[in-house]
Amino acid sequence: MKRSVWSCYSRVFDVSEAALYGDHFGERYEYDSNVVNSSRIREGDVLLIRDAQLIFGFGVIERIDAAKGEKLMRRCPVCRRAAVSRRKAVVPEYRCLKCKAEFDAPFVEPLIVTRFVAHYGRWWVPLPSPAPVRQLLNVYAQQDRQNAIRLLDETAAERLIGQLAGVDGQFFVQISHAVGSLEGGFVESIAKARRGQAHFRQGLVDRFGAVCAVTGPQPEQVLDAAHLYPYAKTPHHDAEGGLLLRADVHRLFDRLVLTIDPKSWRARVDPALTDRFALLRDLADRDLVIDEEKRPRIDLVHGHFELATQAWRDRRRG
């Protein structure tokens, strides 16, 4: 099934609107059946998350939850349309964008809707620097003016992602096509940053130097501290259970696309993907750049290896 790319407006950074929107930046996007295009979004689609001024990042939908609920619609008390604008420094506080009426409070009407939650956190890529929304002007697939969820031209959107996020964005475009077509949609994420992560990272820098275990010496600012175990299940930082990895390699490692062979101490990449993506072929079968006496715990390396290779087998069966 062909996937779509969407521009999704979020008020997650607007504290005054926090009670009305349940978005969780970098994790999920919430919307309802009253929103134009809500019925067209599918698992595997790409969401660009933005507000009125900036684009913050993009992700692939892993799962969509749906449930019946009630939405309180703010309507103009004169024309009953929902085009109500709140003004922070003007009295009356509200104004209708359609009939231009001004009023102190909107008419509130309950509406039964289907609430949707699109989960995209496992394949979320924040932009290195937020980009102005005007860069989407030539990327929209249609000329409609509705603001919340707008369809983007896939080719133009992928080009923009590459421009805004560089190599990481280009890789995202390639790998998300492959992952999104697999049964179940996505691989399991091994870990995310947690409290104490900065201290954990510094300990690894002291241990290994500014060296990515797979790609060798790197500028320190591009190195991440990677856990060899699911942090959510073992919520502590084990100095012998971590590696320094370049940020893009860390993303592959957490998503079980890349792992370490505990017998040969070489990087391994899902062979079903190396034939298709040059960026992955460059990483496959590399000797780890770690002194033997500084290697992490073999049982944790073995655990990650088993988890990754099982994910590869599952995807081939799918």
Protein backbone atom coordinates (compact mmCIF):
# COMPACT_ATOMS: atom_id res chain seq x y z
CA MET A 1 0.00 0.00 0.00
CA LYS A 2 1.32 3.44 -0.98
CA ARG A 3 2.09 5.59 2.02
CA SER A 4 1.30 9.27 2.43
CA VAL A 5 3.22 12.15 3.96
CA TRP A 6 1.30 14.63 6.12
CA SER A 7 1.93 18.05 7.61
CA CYS A 8 0.42 17.90 11.12
CA TYR A 9 -0.24 21.06 13.08
CA SER A 10 0.32 20.72 16.82
CA ARG A 11 -0.24 23.10 19.73
CA VAL A 12 1.88 20.98 22.05
CA PHE A 13 4.15 23.96 22.85
CA ASP A 14 1.23 26.33 23.54
CA VAL A 15 0.61 26.10 27.29
CA SER A 16 -2.69 27.98 26.99
CA GLU A 17 -4.04 25.22 24.73
CA ALA A 18 -2.52 22.26 26.59
CA ALA A 19 -5.84 21.13 28.04
CA LEU A 20 -7.39 20.83 24.57
CA TYR A 21 -4.66 18.81 22.84
CA GLY A 22 -3.02 15.59 24.02
CA ASP A 23 -0.02 15.59 21.67
CA HIS A 24 3.25 14.36 23.14
CA PHE A 25 6.11 15.81 21.12
CA GLY A 26 8.32 13.12 19.59
CA GLU A 27 5.97 10.31 20.65
CA ARG A 28 2.37 10.65 19.46
CA TYR A 29 -0.03 12.88 17.55
CA GLU A 30 -3.67 13.13 18.63
CA TYR A 31 -6.58 14.21 16.43
CA ASP A 32 -10.24 13.35 15.94
CA SER A 33 -12.80 12.55 13.26
CA ASN A 34 -13.93 16.16 13.09
CA VAL A 35 -10.58 17.11 11.53
CA VAL A 36 -10.31 17.16 7.74
CA ASN A 37 -8.22 14.20 6.43
CA SER A 38 -8.44 12.34 9.75
CA SER A 39 -9.88 9.23 8.07
CA ARG A 40 -7.06 9.11 5.49
CA ILE A 41 -4.09 8.70 7.83
CA ARG A 42 -2.72 5.13 7.94
CA GLU A 43 -0.03 3.17 9.76
CA GLY A 44 3.23 3.57 7.83
CA ASP A 45 2.46 7.18 6.84
CA VAL A 46 5.02 9.89 7.58
CA LEU A 47 4.07 12.84 9.80
CA LEU A 48 5.90 16.19 9.76
CA ILE A 49 5.16 17.83 13.12
CA ARG A 50 4.88 21.62 13.06
CA ASP A 51 3.25 24.56 14.76
CA ALA A 52 2.26 27.89 13.24
CA GLN A 53 5.87 28.96 12.61
CA LEU A 54 8.25 25.99 12.67
CA ILE A 55 8.72 22.38 11.53
CA PHE A 56 10.21 20.33 14.38
CA GLY A 57 10.78 16.86 12.93
CA PHE A 58 9.22 13.85 11.29
CA GLY A 59 8.31 10.27 12.09
CA VAL A 60 6.62 7.15 10.72
CA ILE A 61 3.36 5.99 12.28
CA GLU A 62 3.78 2.66 14.00
CA ARG A 63 0.27 2.31 15.38
CA ILE A 64 -3.02 4.21 15.44
CA ASP A 65 -5.40 3.80 18.38
CA ALA A 66 -9.05 4.84 18.03
CA ALA A 67 -11.80 5.30 20.60
CA LYS A 68 -15.12 7.13 20.88
CA GLY A 69 -15.08 10.33 22.85
CA GLU A 70 -16.55 13.77 23.32
CA LYS A 71 -15.08 16.98 21.99
CA LEU A 72 -16.10 20.42 23.17
CA MET A 73 -16.49 22.65 20.12
CA ARG A 74 -16.04 26.38 20.59
CA ARG A 75 -18.48 28.15 18.26
CA CYS A 76 -19.39 31.70 17.46
CA PRO A 77 -22.60 32.60 19.37
CA VAL A 78 -23.81 34.57 16.32
CA CYS A 79 -23.23 32.30 13.30
CA ARG A 80 -22.50 29.04 15.20
CA ARG A 81 -19.38 28.33 13.14
CA ALA A 82 -16.24 26.91 14.77
CA ALA A 83 -13.91 29.56 13.34
CA VAL A 84 -13.28 31.15 16.73
CA SER A 85 -10.06 33.08 17.36
CA ARG A 86 -8.84 33.92 20.86
CA ARG A 87 -7.11 37.28 21.27
CA LYS A 88 -4.79 37.71 24.23
CA ALA A 89 -4.45 41.51 24.25
CA VAL A 90 -7.80 42.69 22.89
CA VAL A 91 -11.28 43.03 24.41
CA PRO A 92 -13.63 41.33 23.71
CA GLU A 93 -11.35 38.31 23.94
CA TYR A 94 -12.89 36.29 21.09
CA ARG A 95 -13.58 37.00 17.44
CA CYS A 96 -15.24 34.93 14.72
CA LEU A 97 -13.09 34.60 11.62
CA LYS A 98 -16.19 34.06 9.45
CA CYS A 99 -18.82 36.62 10.44
CA LYS A 100 -16.32 38.91 12.27
CA ALA A 101 -18.47 39.04 15.43
CA GLU A 102 -16.64 39.83 18.68
CA PHE A 103 -17.66 38.33 22.02
CA ASP A 104 -16.45 37.63 25.57
CA ALA A 105 -16.94 33.85 25.47
CA PRO A 106 -17.70 31.31 22.73
CA PHE A 107 -20.73 29.04 22.64
CA VAL A 108 -19.52 25.56 23.73
CA GLU A 109 -21.16 22.53 22.15
CA PRO A 110 -20.34 18.86 22.94
CA LEU A 111 -19.70 16.69 19.88
CA ILE A 112 -19.30 12.89 19.77
CA VAL A 113 -16.17 12.03 17.76
CA THR A 114 -13.68 9.24 17.22
CA ARG A 115 -10.40 10.14 18.88
CA PHE A 116 -7.22 8.93 17.17
CA VAL A 117 -3.72 8.60 18.60
CA ALA A 118 -0.96 8.09 16.03
CA HIS A 119 2.19 6.68 17.66
CA TYR A 120 5.39 7.57 15.82
CA GLY A 121 8.10 7.71 18.55
CA ARG A 122 10.15 4.71 17.46
CA TRP A 123 10.88 6.28 14.09
CA TRP A 124 11.03 9.94 15.13
CA VAL A 125 13.79 12.23 13.82
CA PRO A 126 13.93 15.74 15.30
CA LEU A 127 15.44 18.36 13.03
CA PRO A 128 18.90 19.60 14.08
CA SER A 129 17.36 23.07 13.95
CA PRO A 130 13.61 23.75 13.52
CA ALA A 131 12.79 24.97 10.01
CA PRO A 132 10.34 27.73 9.01
CA VAL A 133 6.90 26.50 7.94
CA ARG A 134 7.12 28.52 4.73
CA GLN A 135 9.38 25.77 3.36
CA LEU A 136 6.23 23.65 3.01
CA LEU A 137 4.54 26.07 0.61
CA ASN A 138 5.71 24.21 -2.50
CA VAL A 139 5.40 20.77 -0.89
CA TYR A 140 1.64 20.65 -0.27
CA ALA A 141 -0.12 18.19 -2.60
CA GLN A 142 -3.31 20.26 -2.68
CA GLN A 143 -4.16 23.93 -2.46
CA ASP A 144 -6.67 23.61 0.39
CA ARG A 145 -6.29 26.05 3.23
CA GLN A 146 -7.29 23.93 6.22
CA ASN A 147 -4.47 23.93 8.72
CA ALA A 148 -4.44 20.85 10.95
CA ILE A 149 -3.60 17.91 8.66
CA ARG A 150 -2.49 18.58 5.09
CA LEU A 151 -1.32 16.09 2.49
CA LEU A 152 2.19 16.62 1.12
CA ASP A 153 3.61 15.54 -2.20
CA GLU A 154 5.67 12.48 -1.28
CA THR A 155 8.60 13.14 -3.62
CA ALA A 156 8.86 16.81 -2.65
CA ALA A 157 8.46 15.95 1.04
CA GLU A 158 11.26 13.37 0.93
CA ARG A 159 13.49 15.89 -0.82
CA LEU A 160 12.72 18.45 1.90
CA ILE A 161 13.42 15.91 4.66
CA GLY A 162 16.82 15.26 3.14
CA GLN A 163 17.54 18.98 2.95
CA LEU A 164 16.48 19.70 6.52
CA ALA A 165 17.99 16.68 8.25
CA GLY A 166 20.99 15.88 6.05
CA VAL A 167 22.35 12.34 5.97
CA ASP A 168 20.11 11.28 8.85
CA GLY A 169 17.07 12.44 6.89
CA GLN A 170 18.21 10.76 3.69
CA PHE A 171 18.76 7.52 5.55
CA PHE A 172 15.36 7.86 7.23
CA VAL A 173 13.67 8.14 3.84
CA GLN A 174 15.42 5.00 2.58
CA ILE A 175 15.03 2.77 5.60
CA SER A 176 11.47 3.84 6.47
CA HIS A 177 10.28 2.63 3.07
CA ALA A 178 11.66 -0.83 3.82
CA VAL A 179 10.57 -0.97 7.45
CA GLY A 180 7.11 0.42 6.76
CA SER A 181 6.38 -2.39 4.31
CA LEU A 182 7.16 -5.16 6.79
CA GLU A 183 4.60 -7.14 8.74
CA GLY A 184 3.75 -5.33 11.93
CA GLY A 185 5.32 -2.18 10.50
CA PHE A 186 8.36 -1.67 12.70
CA VAL A 187 11.15 -3.20 14.71
CA GLU A 188 11.37 -2.89 18.47
CA SER A 189 13.35 0.00 19.92
CA ILE A 190 15.95 -1.10 22.44
CA ALA A 191 16.30 2.04 24.58
CA LYS A 192 15.83 5.78 24.84
CA ALA A 193 17.69 8.45 26.76
CA ARG A 194 16.83 8.50 30.47
CA ARG A 195 17.73 10.44 33.60
CA GLY A 196 21.46 10.19 34.19
CA GLN A 197 22.19 9.76 30.48
CA ALA A 198 24.70 12.63 30.35
CA HIS A 199 26.74 11.13 33.21
CA PHE A 200 26.56 7.71 31.55
CA ARG A 201 27.78 9.18 28.27
CA GLN A 202 30.68 10.99 29.90
CA GLY A 203 31.75 7.74 31.57
CA LEU A 204 31.85 6.06 28.16
CA VAL A 205 33.86 8.94 26.67
CA ASP A 206 36.36 8.58 29.52
CA ARG A 207 36.48 4.81 28.89
CA PHE A 208 36.75 4.74 25.08
CA GLY A 209 37.76 8.26 24.06
CA ALA A 210 35.94 10.08 21.26
CA VAL A 211 35.56 6.87 19.26
CA CYS A 212 32.47 5.28 17.72
CA ALA A 213 32.67 1.52 18.28
CA VAL A 214 31.69 0.89 14.63
CA THR A 215 33.06 3.83 12.60
CA GLY A 216 36.12 4.83 14.64
CA PRO A 217 37.27 8.30 15.83
CA GLN A 218 34.58 10.99 15.53
CA PRO A 219 33.94 14.53 16.79
CA GLU A 220 32.77 14.07 20.37
CA GLN A 221 29.58 16.07 19.79
CA VAL A 222 28.21 13.47 17.32
CA LEU A 223 28.67 10.52 19.68
CA ASP A 224 25.79 8.99 21.65
CA ALA A 225 25.81 6.65 24.64
CA ALA A 226 24.06 3.45 23.56
CA HIS A 227 22.69 0.82 25.94
CA LEU A 228 23.15 -2.86 25.11
CA TYR A 229 19.99 -3.69 27.07
CA PRO A 230 16.40 -2.32 27.16
CA TYR A 231 16.63 0.52 29.67
CA ALA A 232 12.89 0.41 30.36
CA LYS A 233 13.28 -3.12 31.75
CA THR A 234 16.61 -2.48 33.51
CA PRO A 235 16.42 1.20 34.55
CA HIS A 236 20.03 1.83 35.52
CA HIS A 237 23.18 2.80 33.65
CA ASP A 238 25.74 -0.02 33.53
CA ALA A 239 29.16 1.27 32.46
CA GLU A 240 30.00 -2.19 31.09
CA GLY A 241 26.70 -2.35 29.23
CA GLY A 242 27.18 0.60 26.93
CA LEU A 243 28.98 1.72 23.79
CA LEU A 244 29.73 5.02 22.14
CA LEU A 245 28.11 5.17 18.71
CA ARG A 246 27.83 7.92 16.12
CA ALA A 247 24.28 9.31 16.27
CA ASP A 248 23.10 7.72 13.02
CA VAL A 249 24.64 4.34 13.94
CA HIS A 250 22.99 4.59 17.37
CA ARG A 251 19.64 4.96 15.68
CA LEU A 252 20.25 1.75 13.72
CA PHE A 253 21.44 -0.05 16.84
CA ASP A 254 18.39 0.94 18.90
CA ARG A 255 16.07 -0.17 16.10
CA LEU A 256 17.80 -3.56 15.78
CA VAL A 257 18.93 -2.94 12.21
CA LEU A 258 22.58 -3.16 13.31
CA THR A 259 24.08 -5.31 16.06
CA ILE A 260 27.41 -6.79 17.20
CA ASP A 261 28.42 -10.41 16.69
CA PRO A 262 29.68 -11.59 20.12
CA LYS A 263 31.90 -14.26 18.51
CA SER A 264 33.74 -12.13 15.97
CA TRP A 265 33.23 -8.68 17.56
CA ARG A 266 32.20 -7.33 14.17
CA ALA A 267 29.23 -5.15 13.25
CA ARG A 268 26.36 -7.01 11.64
CA VAL A 269 23.52 -5.47 9.64
CA ASP A 270 20.23 -7.06 8.59
CA PRO A 271 21.27 -8.79 5.32
CA ALA A 272 17.82 -8.20 3.82
CA LEU A 273 18.61 -4.48 3.83
CA THR A 274 22.29 -4.33 2.91
CA ASP A 275 21.60 -5.36 -0.68
CA ARG A 276 19.28 -2.38 -1.05
CA PHE A 277 20.98 0.43 0.85
CA ALA A 278 24.56 1.54 0.31
CA LEU A 279 24.61 3.39 3.65
CA LEU A 280 24.06 0.06 5.40
CA ARG A 281 26.56 -1.87 3.31
CA ASP A 282 29.26 0.55 4.45
CA LEU A 283 28.62 -0.43 8.07
CA ALA A 284 28.25 -4.20 7.69
CA ASP A 285 31.02 -6.57 8.77
CA ARG A 286 33.28 -3.93 10.31
CA ASP A 287 35.66 -4.86 13.13
CA LEU A 288 34.71 -3.08 16.33
CA VAL A 289 37.06 -0.21 17.23
CA ILE A 290 37.41 -1.19 20.89
CA ASP A 291 40.42 -2.45 22.79
CA GLU A 292 39.86 -6.04 23.90
CA GLU A 293 40.25 -5.20 27.59
CA LYS A 294 37.57 -2.48 27.31
CA ARG A 295 34.90 -4.56 25.61
CA PRO A 296 31.41 -4.46 27.21
CA ARG A 297 29.87 -7.45 28.96
CA ILE A 298 29.65 -10.40 26.60
CA ASP A 299 26.25 -11.50 27.95
CA LEU A 300 24.73 -8.11 27.06
CA VAL A 301 26.31 -8.12 23.61
CA HIS A 302 24.93 -11.61 23.10
CA GLY A 303 21.46 -10.50 24.27
CA HIS A 304 21.31 -7.62 21.81
CA PHE A 305 22.61 -9.88 19.01
CA GLU A 306 19.89 -12.46 19.67
CA LEU A 307 17.19 -9.79 19.82
CA ALA A 308 18.32 -8.25 16.52
CA THR A 309 18.79 -11.48 14.58
CA GLN A 310 15.39 -12.73 15.76
CA ALA A 311 13.85 -9.49 14.46
CA TRP A 312 15.56 -10.10 11.10
CA ARG A 313 14.11 -13.63 10.91
CA ASP A 314 10.65 -12.35 11.82
CA ARG A 315 10.79 -9.76 9.06
CA ARG A 316 11.83 -12.32 6.46
CA ARG A 317 8.88 -14.52 7.44
CA GLY A 318 6.61 -11.49 7.11
